[in-house]
PDB file of N, CA and C in Angstrom:
ATOM      1  N   MET A   1       3.638  16.312   2.657  1.00  0.00           N
ATOM      2  CA  MET A   1       2.592  16.082   1.692  1.00  0.00           C
ATOM      3  C   MET A   1       3.193  15.368   0.485  1.00  0.00           C
ATOM      4  N   TYR A   2       2.501  14.353   0.031  1.00  0.00           N
ATOM      5  CA  TYR A   2       2.908  13.654  -1.169  1.00  0.00           C
ATOM      6  C   TYR A   2       2.562  14.489  -2.387  1.00  0.00           C
ATOM      7  N   PHE A   3       3.282  14.285  -3.486  1.00  0.00           N
ATOM      8  CA  PHE A   3       2.991  14.990  -4.727  1.00  0.00           C
ATOM      9  C   PHE A   3       1.539  14.759  -5.135  1.00  0.00           C
ATOM     10  N   THR A   4       1.050  13.526  -4.932  1.00  0.00           N
ATOM     11  CA  THR A   4      -0.319  13.196  -5.338  1.00  0.00           C
ATOM     12  C   THR A   4      -1.363  13.894  -4.476  1.00  0.00           C
ATOM     13  N   ASP A   5      -0.972  14.440  -3.344  1.00  0.00           N
ATOM     14  CA  ASP A   5      -1.914  15.163  -2.490  1.00  0.00           C
ATOM     15  C   ASP A   5      -2.308  16.514  -3.062  1.00  0.00           C
ATOM     16  N   ARG A   6      -1.594  16.999  -4.046  1.00  0.00           N
ATOM     17  CA  ARG A   6      -1.894  18.315  -4.605  1.00  0.00           C
ATOM     18  C   ARG A   6      -3.329  18.402  -5.095  1.00  0.00           C
ATOM     19  N   GLY A   7      -3.773  17.388  -5.819  1.00  0.00           N
ATOM     20  CA  GLY A   7      -5.146  17.383  -6.320  1.00  0.00           C
ATOM     21  C   GLY A   7      -6.152  17.322  -5.194  1.00  0.00           C
ATOM     22  N   ILE A   8      -5.838  16.564  -4.159  1.00  0.00           N
ATOM     23  CA  ILE A   8      -6.720  16.467  -3.001  1.00  0.00           C
ATOM     24  C   ILE A   8      -6.796  17.811  -2.302  1.00  0.00           C
ATOM     25  N   GLU A   9      -5.657  18.463  -2.148  1.00  0.00           N
ATOM     26  CA  GLU A   9      -5.632  19.789  -1.521  1.00  0.00           C
ATOM     27  C   GLU A   9      -6.421  20.797  -2.355  1.00  0.00           C
ATOM     28  N   GLU A  10      -6.280  20.738  -3.670  1.00  0.00           N
ATOM     29  CA  GLU A  10      -7.035  21.652  -4.533  1.00  0.00           C
ATOM     30  C   GLU A  10      -8.529  21.395  -4.430  1.00  0.00           C
ATOM     31  N   LEU A  11      -8.909  20.135  -4.429  1.00  0.00           N
ATOM     32  CA  LEU A  11     -10.321  19.782  -4.286  1.00  0.00           C
ATOM     33  C   LEU A  11     -10.888  20.333  -2.985  1.00  0.00           C
ATOM     34  N   GLU A  12     -10.144  20.138  -1.914  1.00  0.00           N
ATOM     35  CA  GLU A  12     -10.601  20.620  -0.613  1.00  0.00           C
ATOM     36  C   GLU A  12     -10.705  22.148  -0.571  1.00  0.00           C
ATOM     37  N   SER A  13      -9.717  22.826  -1.134  1.00  0.00           N
ATOM     38  CA  SER A  13      -9.747  24.287  -1.074  1.00  0.00           C
ATOM     39  C   SER A  13     -10.815  24.885  -1.991  1.00  0.00           C
ATOM     40  N   ARG A  14     -11.050  24.276  -3.148  1.00  0.00           N
ATOM     41  CA  ARG A  14     -12.022  24.828  -4.089  1.00  0.00           C
ATOM     42  C   ARG A  14     -13.457  24.416  -3.790  1.00  0.00           C
ATOM     43  N   ARG A  15     -13.639  23.163  -3.314  1.00  0.00           N
ATOM     44  CA  ARG A  15     -14.996  22.646  -3.192  1.00  0.00           C
ATOM     45  C   ARG A  15     -15.297  22.053  -1.832  1.00  0.00           C
ATOM     46  N   GLY A  16     -14.421  22.268  -0.872  1.00  0.00           N
ATOM     47  CA  GLY A  16     -14.538  21.654   0.441  1.00  0.00           C
ATOM     48  C   GLY A  16     -15.789  22.016   1.218  1.00  0.00           C
ATOM     49  N   GLU A  17     -16.378  23.145   0.921  1.00  0.00           N
ATOM     50  CA  GLU A  17     -17.577  23.578   1.643  1.00  0.00           C
ATOM     51  C   GLU A  17     -18.871  23.051   1.009  1.00  0.00           C
ATOM     52  N   GLU A  18     -18.776  22.456  -0.185  1.00  0.00           N
ATOM     53  CA  GLU A  18     -19.971  21.972  -0.877  1.00  0.00           C
ATOM     54  C   GLU A  18     -20.466  20.665  -0.272  1.00  0.00           C
ATOM     55  N   GLU A  19     -21.755  20.447  -0.383  1.00  0.00           N
ATOM     56  CA  GLU A  19     -22.346  19.177   0.007  1.00  0.00           C
ATOM     57  C   GLU A  19     -22.865  18.496  -1.250  1.00  0.00           C
ATOM     58  N   VAL A  20     -22.473  17.239  -1.439  1.00  0.00           N
ATOM     59  CA  VAL A  20     -22.895  16.467  -2.601  1.00  0.00           C
ATOM     60  C   VAL A  20     -23.333  15.086  -2.142  1.00  0.00           C
ATOM     61  N   THR A  21     -24.065  14.403  -2.997  1.00  0.00           N
ATOM     62  CA  THR A  21     -24.462  13.035  -2.688  1.00  0.00           C
ATOM     63  C   THR A  21     -23.416  12.060  -3.235  1.00  0.00           C
ATOM     64  N   LEU A  22     -23.420  10.870  -2.695  1.00  0.00           N
ATOM     65  CA  LEU A  22     -22.517   9.851  -3.230  1.00  0.00           C
ATOM     66  C   LEU A  22     -22.940   9.448  -4.638  1.00  0.00           C
ATOM     67  N   GLY A  23     -24.218   9.593  -4.945  1.00  0.00           N
ATOM     68  CA  GLY A  23     -24.686   9.354  -6.308  1.00  0.00           C
ATOM     69  C   GLY A  23     -24.032  10.317  -7.287  1.00  0.00           C
ATOM     70  N   TRP A  24     -23.914  11.580  -6.883  1.00  0.00           N
ATOM     71  CA  TRP A  24     -23.254  12.584  -7.714  1.00  0.00           C
ATOM     72  C   TRP A  24     -21.783  12.221  -7.904  1.00  0.00           C
ATOM     73  N   VAL A  25     -21.124  11.824  -6.820  1.00  0.00           N
ATOM     74  CA  VAL A  25     -19.709  11.438  -6.899  1.00  0.00           C
ATOM     75  C   VAL A  25     -19.548  10.240  -7.839  1.00  0.00           C
ATOM     76  N   ALA A  26     -20.421   9.251  -7.709  1.00  0.00           N
ATOM     77  CA  ALA A  26     -20.355   8.068  -8.568  1.00  0.00           C
ATOM     78  C   ALA A  26     -20.487   8.466 -10.036  1.00  0.00           C
ATOM     79  N   GLU A  27     -21.401   9.365 -10.336  1.00  0.00           N
ATOM     80  CA  GLU A  27     -21.585   9.814 -11.724  1.00  0.00           C
ATOM     81  C   GLU A  27     -20.346  10.537 -12.236  1.00  0.00           C
ATOM     82  N   GLN A  28     -19.723  11.357 -11.398  1.00  0.00           N
ATOM     83  CA  GLN A  28     -18.501  12.050 -11.805  1.00  0.00           C
ATOM     84  C   GLN A  28     -17.359  11.053 -12.047  1.00  0.00           C
ATOM     85  N   LEU A  29     -17.283  10.012 -11.211  1.00  0.00           N
ATOM     86  CA  LEU A  29     -16.260   8.981 -11.418  1.00  0.00           C
ATOM     87  C   LEU A  29     -16.489   8.242 -12.724  1.00  0.00           C
ATOM     88  N   ARG A  30     -17.758   7.937 -13.037  1.00  0.00           N
ATOM     89  CA  ARG A  30     -18.071   7.282 -14.323  1.00  0.00           C
ATOM     90  C   ARG A  30     -17.649   8.161 -15.495  1.00  0.00           C
ATOM     91  N   THR A  31     -17.971   9.427 -15.413  1.00  0.00           N
ATOM     92  CA  THR A  31     -17.604  10.355 -16.481  1.00  0.00           C
ATOM     93  C   THR A  31     -16.090  10.430 -16.625  1.00  0.00           C
ATOM     94  N   PHE A  32     -15.389  10.510 -15.504  1.00  0.00           N
ATOM     95  CA  PHE A  32     -13.926  10.566 -15.538  1.00  0.00           C
ATOM     96  C   PHE A  32     -13.354   9.330 -16.219  1.00  0.00           C
ATOM     97  N   VAL A  33     -13.858   8.144 -15.869  1.00  0.00           N
ATOM     98  CA  VAL A  33     -13.355   6.907 -16.464  1.00  0.00           C
ATOM     99  C   VAL A  33     -13.695   6.852 -17.956  1.00  0.00           C
ATOM    100  N   ASP A  34     -14.879   7.338 -18.334  1.00  0.00           N
ATOM    101  CA  ASP A  34     -15.220   7.382 -19.760  1.00  0.00           C
ATOM    102  C   ASP A  34     -14.229   8.244 -20.536  1.00  0.00           C
ATOM    103  N   LEU A  35     -13.818   9.356 -19.937  1.00  0.00           N
ATOM    104  CA  LEU A  35     -12.878  10.264 -20.587  1.00  0.00           C
ATOM    105  C   LEU A  35     -11.423   9.825 -20.453  1.00  0.00           C
ATOM    106  N   ASN A  36     -11.136   9.000 -19.433  1.00  0.00           N
ATOM    107  CA  ASN A  36      -9.770   8.566 -19.122  1.00  0.00           C
ATOM    108  C   ASN A  36      -9.757   7.072 -18.819  1.00  0.00           C
ATOM    109  N   PRO A  37      -9.983   6.231 -19.828  1.00  0.00           N
ATOM    110  CA  PRO A  37     -10.106   4.788 -19.567  1.00  0.00           C
ATOM    111  C   PRO A  37      -8.878   4.146 -18.928  1.00  0.00           C
ATOM    112  N   ASP A  38      -7.713   4.762 -19.065  1.00  0.00           N
ATOM    113  CA  ASP A  38      -6.507   4.204 -18.437  1.00  0.00           C
ATOM    114  C   ASP A  38      -6.583   4.231 -16.913  1.00  0.00           C
ATOM    115  N   PHE A  39      -7.477   5.038 -16.376  1.00  0.00           N
ATOM    116  CA  PHE A  39      -7.615   5.155 -14.924  1.00  0.00           C
ATOM    117  C   PHE A  39      -8.751   4.306 -14.361  1.00  0.00           C
ATOM    118  N   GLU A  40      -9.307   3.417 -15.171  1.00  0.00           N
ATOM    119  CA  GLU A  40     -10.439   2.606 -14.722  1.00  0.00           C
ATOM    120  C   GLU A  40     -10.115   1.797 -13.467  1.00  0.00           C
ATOM    121  N   VAL A  41      -8.993   1.117 -13.453  1.00  0.00           N
ATOM    122  CA  VAL A  41      -8.650   0.260 -12.308  1.00  0.00           C
ATOM    123  C   VAL A  41      -8.466   1.081 -11.026  1.00  0.00           C
ATOM    124  N   PRO A  42      -7.674   2.152 -11.023  1.00  0.00           N
ATOM    125  CA  PRO A  42      -7.543   2.916  -9.777  1.00  0.00           C
ATOM    126  C   PRO A  42      -8.861   3.522  -9.301  1.00  0.00           C
ATOM    127  N   VAL A  43      -9.690   3.989 -10.222  1.00  0.00           N
ATOM    128  CA  VAL A  43     -10.977   4.565  -9.830  1.00  0.00           C
ATOM    129  C   VAL A  43     -11.871   3.484  -9.244  1.00  0.00           C
ATOM    130  N   GLU A  44     -11.881   2.311  -9.854  1.00  0.00           N
ATOM    131  CA  GLU A  44     -12.673   1.204  -9.312  1.00  0.00           C
ATOM    132  C   GLU A  44     -12.183   0.806  -7.922  1.00  0.00           C
ATOM    133  N   ARG A  45     -10.883   0.792  -7.723  1.00  0.00           N
ATOM    134  CA  ARG A  45     -10.330   0.468  -6.398  1.00  0.00           C
ATOM    135  C   ARG A  45     -10.728   1.505  -5.364  1.00  0.00           C
ATOM    136  N   LEU A  46     -10.654   2.777  -5.739  1.00  0.00           N
ATOM    137  CA  LEU A  46     -11.073   3.840  -4.828  1.00  0.00           C
ATOM    138  C   LEU A  46     -12.554   3.716  -4.500  1.00  0.00           C
ATOM    139  N   ALA A  47     -13.391   3.504  -5.505  1.00  0.00           N
ATOM    140  CA  ALA A  47     -14.830   3.377  -5.278  1.00  0.00           C
ATOM    141  C   ALA A  47     -15.143   2.187  -4.371  1.00  0.00           C
ATOM    142  N   THR A  48     -14.475   1.072  -4.604  1.00  0.00           N
ATOM    143  CA  THR A  48     -14.694  -0.111  -3.773  1.00  0.00           C
ATOM    144  C   THR A  48     -14.244   0.148  -2.342  1.00  0.00           C
ATOM    145  N   TRP A  49     -13.107   0.789  -2.180  1.00  0.00           N
ATOM    146  CA  TRP A  49     -12.601   1.113  -0.845  1.00  0.00           C
ATOM    147  C   TRP A  49     -13.578   2.024  -0.108  1.00  0.00           C
ATOM    148  N   LEU A  50     -14.074   3.056  -0.789  1.00  0.00           N
ATOM    149  CA  LEU A  50     -15.039   3.958  -0.167  1.00  0.00           C
ATOM    150  C   LEU A  50     -16.337   3.225   0.190  1.00  0.00           C
ATOM    151  N   ALA A  51     -16.784   2.354  -0.694  1.00  0.00           N
ATOM    152  CA  ALA A  51     -18.029   1.627  -0.458  1.00  0.00           C
ATOM    153  C   ALA A  51     -17.931   0.705   0.753  1.00  0.00           C
ATOM    154  N   ARG A  52     -16.745   0.205   1.030  1.00  0.00           N
ATOM    155  CA  ARG A  52     -16.571  -0.796   2.093  1.00  0.00           C
ATOM    156  C   ARG A  52     -15.972  -0.236   3.381  1.00  0.00           C
ATOM    157  N   LEU A  53     -15.881   1.065   3.515  1.00  0.00           N
ATOM    158  CA  LEU A  53     -15.257   1.660   4.702  1.00  0.00           C
ATOM    159  C   LEU A  53     -15.863   1.172   6.017  1.00  0.00           C
ATOM    160  N   ASP A  54     -17.143   0.964   6.035  1.00  0.00           N
ATOM    161  CA  ASP A  54     -17.813   0.574   7.276  1.00  0.00           C
ATOM    162  C   ASP A  54     -17.938  -0.931   7.471  1.00  0.00           C
ATOM    163  N   ASP A  55     -17.394  -1.728   6.560  1.00  0.00           N
ATOM    164  CA  ASP A  55     -17.479  -3.187   6.707  1.00  0.00           C
ATOM    165  C   ASP A  55     -16.688  -3.635   7.922  1.00  0.00           C
ATOM    166  N   GLU A  56     -17.355  -4.316   8.831  1.00  0.00           N
ATOM    167  CA  GLU A  56     -16.689  -4.792  10.052  1.00  0.00           C
ATOM    168  C   GLU A  56     -15.624  -5.844   9.751  1.00  0.00           C
ATOM    169  N   ASP A  57     -15.804  -6.623   8.698  1.00  0.00           N
ATOM    170  CA  ASP A  57     -14.852  -7.687   8.368  1.00  0.00           C
ATOM    171  C   ASP A  57     -13.472  -7.121   8.020  1.00  0.00           C
ATOM    172  N   ASP A  58     -13.418  -5.912   7.492  1.00  0.00           N
ATOM    173  CA  ASP A  58     -12.142  -5.312   7.115  1.00  0.00           C
ATOM    174  C   ASP A  58     -11.340  -4.871   8.334  1.00  0.00           C
ATOM    175  N   ASP A  59     -11.983  -4.718   9.473  1.00  0.00           N
ATOM    176  CA  ASP A  59     -11.296  -4.256  10.673  1.00  0.00           C
ATOM    177  C   ASP A  59     -10.506  -5.357  11.357  1.00  0.00           C
ATOM    178  N   GLU A  60     -10.754  -6.585  10.980  1.00  0.00           N
ATOM    179  CA  GLU A  60     -10.096  -7.708  11.660  1.00  0.00           C
ATOM    180  C   GLU A  60      -8.744  -8.008  11.070  1.00  0.00           C
TER     181      GLU A  60
END
């Protein structure tokens, strides 16, 4: 496990059984970036990656 996986593991253990909408996730990401503007680029990259997971062009 990478050091950065700790937060992912905590998220999964604390909230892994919850069901949320992607709209809710997007709002939480906006709030996080508002509170932590230094993380804007990584959050935007993550959001873009998640948004494009099903794009067939990326599989080539």
